[in-house]
Amino acid sequence: MTTGLRERKKQATRAALHEAALRLVAEHGLDQVSVDDIAADAEVSPRTFFNYFPSKDDAVIGLDPEHPLRLAEALSARPTTETPVQALRAVHAAEAARMAAETELWPLRLQVVDAHPALAARLTASFARSEQLLAEWLAARTGTRAELDVQPSLLAAVQGSVMRSALHRWRAGGYATSLPALVAEGWDQVEAGFPAPRH
């Protein structure tokens, strides 16, 4: 089996487990679903489940542990003539388009996470780790120090807030508005220095 095919099969299994976990928890509640239930629904063994996720909660959230590294790689591929904000905005635009294309998965994920505070806390912890890695990338790009200078950690936190705000507004609006447009609106506000709202 080629490396590419093996990787695609792993991604497909991971996706099947995540989608099974989401559907089952949406239907029955977090406490009523077990790892065995998720594995059976995805047609794999419980042992295989633990090759992909350390816990039931992680399967429900479904965040890819490689995502922060891929985000950093995407940012590193941006032209060096771009400012950090421009690079982040471009990568967010692509990310939002990909997320919006998952027309069933993301709405269901947001519904389930909002209904279970324990999952929301787990998701927040994942975001914090991503922001730490991103701050390190920003420091390297700007010649600053992630742990001492203000911009890397502040900008890493801001970009996370832009995406989270867009996701919240996307759900509140019944997913009728374009997610990429909501993300772009958030970055417009950041780049404009948060002007007073127009009434």
Protein backbone atom coordinates (compact mmCIF):
# COMPACT_ATOMS: atom_id res chain seq x y z
CA MET A 1 0.00 0.00 0.00
CA THR A 2 1.40 3.38 -0.95
CA THR A 3 1.89 6.04 1.69
CA GLY A 4 -0.74 8.22 0.03
CA LEU A 5 -3.38 5.49 -0.01
CA ARG A 6 -2.60 4.50 3.58
CA GLU A 7 -2.95 8.11 4.69
CA ARG A 8 -6.28 8.50 2.86
CA LYS A 9 -7.59 5.34 4.52
CA LYS A 10 -6.54 6.65 7.93
CA GLN A 11 -8.24 9.98 7.25
CA ALA A 12 -11.40 8.20 6.13
CA THR A 13 -11.48 6.07 9.31
CA ARG A 14 -10.90 9.10 11.49
CA ALA A 15 -13.69 10.98 9.72
CA ALA A 16 -16.07 8.02 10.05
CA LEU A 17 -15.43 7.80 13.81
CA HIS A 18 -15.90 11.53 14.28
CA GLU A 19 -19.13 11.62 12.28
CA ALA A 20 -20.47 8.58 14.12
CA ALA A 21 -19.67 10.18 17.48
CA LEU A 22 -21.36 13.44 16.49
CA ARG A 23 -24.53 11.76 15.19
CA LEU A 24 -24.89 9.46 18.18
CA VAL A 25 -24.33 12.22 20.74
CA ALA A 26 -26.74 14.53 18.90
CA GLU A 27 -29.38 11.79 19.00
CA HIS A 28 -28.84 10.31 22.46
CA GLY A 29 -26.76 12.75 24.55
CA LEU A 30 -23.14 12.58 25.59
CA ASP A 31 -23.64 10.38 28.66
CA GLN A 32 -25.68 7.80 26.76
CA VAL A 33 -23.03 7.08 24.11
CA SER A 34 -20.00 4.85 24.68
CA VAL A 35 -16.78 4.25 22.78
CA ASP A 36 -18.14 0.82 21.86
CA ASP A 37 -21.25 2.46 20.36
CA ILE A 38 -19.15 4.82 18.26
CA ALA A 39 -16.82 2.07 17.06
CA ALA A 40 -19.75 -0.16 16.12
CA ASP A 41 -21.46 2.62 14.18
CA ALA A 42 -18.24 3.32 12.27
CA GLU A 43 -17.74 -0.43 11.72
CA VAL A 44 -14.36 -0.65 13.44
CA SER A 45 -13.18 -2.25 16.67
CA PRO A 46 -12.87 -0.31 19.94
CA ARG A 47 -9.13 -0.94 19.72
CA THR A 48 -9.08 0.83 16.34
CA PHE A 49 -11.03 3.72 17.90
CA PHE A 50 -8.21 4.34 20.36
CA ASN A 51 -5.69 4.47 17.52
CA TYR A 52 -7.40 7.68 16.43
CA PHE A 53 -8.87 9.31 19.54
CA PRO A 54 -7.83 9.13 23.22
CA SER A 55 -11.40 9.54 24.47
CA LYS A 56 -15.04 9.75 23.49
CA ASP A 57 -15.03 13.53 23.96
CA ASP A 58 -12.11 13.90 21.56
CA ALA A 59 -13.95 11.86 18.94
CA VAL A 60 -17.02 14.08 19.24
CA ILE A 61 -14.99 17.27 18.84
CA GLY A 62 -12.98 15.66 16.09
CA LEU A 63 -10.17 18.17 15.87
CA ASP A 64 -7.19 16.95 13.90
CA PRO A 65 -4.04 17.12 16.07
CA GLU A 66 -2.07 17.99 12.92
CA HIS A 67 -4.24 21.02 12.17
CA PRO A 68 -2.06 23.60 13.99
CA LEU A 69 0.99 22.36 12.09
CA ARG A 70 -0.87 22.53 8.78
CA LEU A 71 -2.00 26.05 9.63
CA ALA A 72 1.59 27.07 10.28
CA GLU A 73 2.65 25.46 7.00
CA ALA A 74 -0.06 27.33 5.10
CA LEU A 75 1.05 30.59 6.69
CA SER A 76 4.68 29.88 5.89
CA ALA A 77 3.71 29.44 2.24
CA ARG A 78 2.25 32.96 2.07
CA PRO A 79 4.36 35.65 0.34
CA THR A 80 6.88 37.32 2.63
CA THR A 81 5.62 40.68 1.36
CA GLU A 82 2.39 40.15 3.30
CA THR A 83 2.00 41.43 6.83
CA PRO A 84 1.14 38.82 9.46
CA VAL A 85 -2.47 40.05 9.43
CA GLN A 86 -2.68 39.72 5.64
CA ALA A 87 -1.24 36.21 5.78
CA LEU A 88 -3.63 35.16 8.56
CA ARG A 89 -6.58 36.65 6.72
CA ALA A 90 -5.75 34.77 3.51
CA VAL A 91 -5.35 31.46 5.32
CA HIS A 92 -8.58 32.03 7.25
CA ALA A 93 -10.44 32.68 3.99
CA ALA A 94 -9.38 29.28 2.66
CA GLU A 95 -10.16 27.60 5.98
CA ALA A 96 -13.64 29.16 6.16
CA ALA A 97 -14.43 28.06 2.60
CA ARG A 98 -13.44 24.49 3.48
CA MET A 99 -15.51 24.52 6.67
CA ALA A 100 -18.56 26.00 4.90
CA ALA A 101 -18.37 23.21 2.31
CA GLU A 102 -19.02 20.69 5.13
CA THR A 103 -22.69 21.67 5.10
CA GLU A 104 -23.82 19.03 7.60
CA LEU A 105 -20.74 18.36 9.70
CA TRP A 106 -19.95 21.84 11.04
CA PRO A 107 -23.54 22.79 11.98
CA LEU A 108 -23.91 19.46 13.80
CA ARG A 109 -20.55 19.92 15.55
CA LEU A 110 -21.52 23.40 16.76
CA GLN A 111 -24.92 22.14 17.94
CA VAL A 112 -23.41 19.29 19.93
CA VAL A 113 -20.61 21.36 21.48
CA ASP A 114 -23.02 24.12 22.52
CA ALA A 115 -25.25 21.53 24.20
CA HIS A 116 -22.44 20.04 26.31
CA PRO A 117 -20.27 22.38 28.45
CA ALA A 118 -17.61 19.68 28.93
CA LEU A 119 -17.07 19.56 25.18
CA ALA A 120 -16.92 23.34 24.97
CA ALA A 121 -14.19 23.34 27.62
CA ARG A 122 -12.23 20.69 25.71
CA LEU A 123 -12.54 22.72 22.53
CA THR A 124 -11.30 25.86 24.30
CA ALA A 125 -8.23 23.97 25.53
CA SER A 126 -7.51 22.83 21.96
CA PHE A 127 -7.74 26.40 20.72
CA ALA A 128 -5.29 27.52 23.39
CA ARG A 129 -2.72 24.99 22.18
CA SER A 130 -3.19 26.09 18.57
CA GLU A 131 -2.74 29.72 19.57
CA GLN A 132 0.50 28.91 21.37
CA LEU A 133 1.94 27.25 18.24
CA LEU A 134 0.73 30.12 16.09
CA ALA A 135 2.34 32.69 18.39
CA GLU A 136 5.64 30.86 17.93
CA TRP A 137 5.23 31.03 14.15
CA LEU A 138 4.39 34.74 14.28
CA ALA A 139 7.42 35.43 16.45
CA ALA A 140 9.68 33.63 13.97
CA ARG A 141 8.17 35.56 11.07
CA THR A 142 8.47 38.96 12.71
CA GLY A 143 11.76 38.49 14.55
CA THR A 144 10.11 38.89 17.94
CA ARG A 145 9.83 36.63 21.00
CA ALA A 146 6.59 34.78 21.58
CA GLU A 147 6.95 34.76 25.36
CA LEU A 148 8.01 38.40 25.82
CA ASP A 149 6.81 40.60 22.94
CA VAL A 150 3.19 41.68 22.66
CA GLN A 151 2.35 41.06 19.02
CA PRO A 152 2.78 37.27 18.57
CA SER A 153 0.53 36.14 21.42
CA LEU A 154 -1.95 38.98 20.94
CA LEU A 155 -2.34 38.37 17.22
CA ALA A 156 -2.59 34.61 17.76
CA ALA A 157 -5.46 35.23 20.20
CA VAL A 158 -7.13 37.73 17.87
CA GLN A 159 -7.15 35.35 14.91
CA GLY A 160 -8.79 32.68 17.06
CA SER A 161 -11.42 35.17 18.19
CA VAL A 162 -12.15 36.19 14.60
CA MET A 163 -12.88 32.58 13.65
CA ARG A 164 -14.87 31.78 16.81
CA SER A 165 -16.96 34.94 16.45
CA ALA A 166 -17.73 34.07 12.84
CA LEU A 167 -18.76 30.53 13.78
CA HIS A 168 -21.07 31.80 16.55
CA ARG A 169 -22.69 34.30 14.20
CA TRP A 170 -22.97 31.67 11.47
CA ARG A 171 -24.92 29.40 13.79
CA ALA A 172 -27.05 32.22 15.25
CA GLY A 173 -28.10 33.19 11.73
CA GLY A 174 -29.19 29.67 10.87
CA TYR A 175 -26.18 29.17 8.57
CA ALA A 176 -27.83 31.45 6.02
CA THR A 177 -24.87 33.84 5.78
CA SER A 178 -21.62 32.87 4.08
CA LEU A 179 -19.04 31.77 6.66
CA PRO A 180 -16.15 33.19 4.58
CA ALA A 181 -18.02 36.53 4.49
CA LEU A 182 -18.42 36.51 8.28
CA VAL A 183 -14.71 35.75 8.72
CA ALA A 184 -13.82 38.55 6.29
CA GLU A 185 -16.06 40.94 8.22
CA GLY A 186 -14.20 40.09 11.41
CA TRP A 187 -10.84 40.82 9.79
CA ASP A 188 -12.25 44.07 8.37
CA GLN A 189 -12.96 45.17 11.94
CA VAL A 190 -9.48 44.17 13.11
CA GLU A 191 -7.75 45.99 10.27
CA ALA A 192 -9.92 49.08 10.74
CA GLY A 193 -9.00 49.26 14.42
CA PHE A 194 -12.52 48.50 15.67
CA PRO A 195 -14.38 51.62 14.54
CA ALA A 196 -17.58 52.57 16.35
CA PRO A 197 -20.56 50.49 15.14
CA ARG A 198 -22.80 52.17 12.58
CA HIS A 199 -26.50 52.31 13.50
